[in-house]
Amino acid sequence: MTTFTVSLPEALTAYLQARIDSGEFSTADAYIQALIQQDKARQEHLEPLLLEGLESGEATPMTAADWETIRSNVRKNQSDQSQHG
């Protein structure tokens, strides 16, 4: 384990302490490690997907049919979750 010193303004220190006091994180170290892991996951997963979307070609306007397909898929997913949850 490596020790790393971080200086925070008072407002962020208070926020960090509130997160610890809430019981979700036991220490400042645990909270900061969780933030770094989330950032790492975002970098490794989300950004490649965003780049793939950007490189997939010219954007086209959304049509009423596109929106209806999205709504239909959401309704189906909600129905599936309620049946299995």
Protein backbone atom coordinates (compact mmCIF):
# COMPACT_ATOMS: atom_id res chain seq x y z
CA MET A 1 0.00 0.00 0.00
CA THR A 2 1.27 3.47 -0.85
CA THR A 3 0.55 6.53 1.26
CA PHE A 4 -0.62 9.61 -0.63
CA THR A 5 -1.35 12.94 1.03
CA VAL A 6 -4.24 15.02 -0.29
CA SER A 7 -5.18 18.56 0.73
CA LEU A 8 -8.87 19.47 0.53
CA PRO A 9 -10.71 22.75 0.99
CA GLU A 10 -12.95 22.89 4.03
CA ALA A 11 -16.16 22.34 2.05
CA LEU A 12 -14.86 19.10 0.55
CA THR A 13 -13.49 17.98 3.89
CA ALA A 14 -16.94 18.50 5.44
CA TYR A 15 -18.58 16.59 2.58
CA LEU A 16 -16.09 13.74 2.94
CA GLN A 17 -16.73 13.58 6.69
CA ALA A 18 -20.49 13.52 6.09
CA ARG A 19 -20.06 10.56 3.71
CA ILE A 20 -18.05 8.72 6.36
CA ASP A 21 -20.57 9.65 9.09
CA SER A 22 -23.39 8.25 6.94
CA GLY A 23 -21.81 4.82 7.36
CA GLU A 24 -21.52 4.13 3.65
CA PHE A 25 -17.73 4.45 3.88
CA SER A 26 -15.70 3.57 6.94
CA THR A 27 -12.75 5.87 6.23
CA ALA A 28 -11.59 8.63 3.91
CA ASP A 29 -9.33 6.03 2.31
CA ALA A 30 -12.31 3.78 1.50
CA TYR A 31 -14.22 6.67 -0.07
CA ILE A 32 -11.30 7.86 -2.18
CA GLN A 33 -10.52 4.30 -3.29
CA ALA A 34 -14.15 3.87 -4.39
CA LEU A 35 -14.00 7.12 -6.38
CA ILE A 36 -10.80 6.07 -8.11
CA GLN A 37 -12.23 2.62 -8.92
CA GLN A 38 -15.37 4.22 -10.40
CA ASP A 39 -13.26 6.58 -12.49
CA LYS A 40 -11.09 3.69 -13.69
CA ALA A 41 -14.17 1.65 -14.66
CA ARG A 42 -15.58 4.65 -16.53
CA GLN A 43 -12.33 5.12 -18.40
CA GLU A 44 -12.12 1.44 -19.31
CA HIS A 45 -15.78 0.89 -20.23
CA LEU A 46 -17.76 4.02 -20.95
CA GLU A 47 -15.23 6.07 -22.89
CA PRO A 48 -14.57 3.36 -25.51
CA LEU A 49 -18.33 3.10 -26.03
CA LEU A 50 -18.60 6.85 -26.48
CA LEU A 51 -15.72 6.86 -28.96
CA GLU A 52 -17.33 3.99 -30.85
CA GLY A 53 -20.52 6.02 -31.11
CA LEU A 54 -18.66 9.08 -32.32
CA GLU A 55 -16.84 7.03 -34.95
CA SER A 56 -19.95 5.17 -36.13
CA GLY A 57 -20.84 7.70 -38.80
CA GLU A 58 -22.90 10.78 -39.34
CA ALA A 59 -25.63 11.51 -36.83
CA THR A 60 -29.19 11.31 -38.06
CA PRO A 61 -32.21 13.11 -36.61
CA MET A 62 -34.41 11.12 -34.23
CA THR A 63 -37.78 10.30 -35.73
CA ALA A 64 -41.10 9.67 -34.01
CA ALA A 65 -40.63 5.98 -34.84
CA ASP A 66 -37.20 5.99 -33.12
CA TRP A 67 -38.73 7.44 -29.95
CA GLU A 68 -41.59 4.95 -30.01
CA THR A 69 -39.11 2.08 -30.32
CA ILE A 70 -37.21 3.41 -27.30
CA ARG A 71 -40.43 3.78 -25.29
CA SER A 72 -41.52 0.28 -26.26
CA ASN A 73 -38.18 -1.18 -25.19
CA VAL A 74 -38.35 0.64 -21.84
CA ARG A 75 -41.89 -0.64 -21.24
CA LYS A 76 -40.80 -4.19 -22.12
CA ASN A 77 -37.77 -3.98 -19.80
CA GLN A 78 -39.94 -2.66 -16.96
CA SER A 79 -42.46 -5.45 -17.52
CA ASP A 80 -39.70 -8.07 -17.58
CA GLN A 81 -38.21 -6.71 -14.35
CA SER A 82 -41.55 -6.68 -12.54
CA GLN A 83 -42.16 -10.30 -13.53
CA HIS A 84 -38.71 -11.43 -12.35
CA GLY A 85 -38.21 -9.07 -9.41
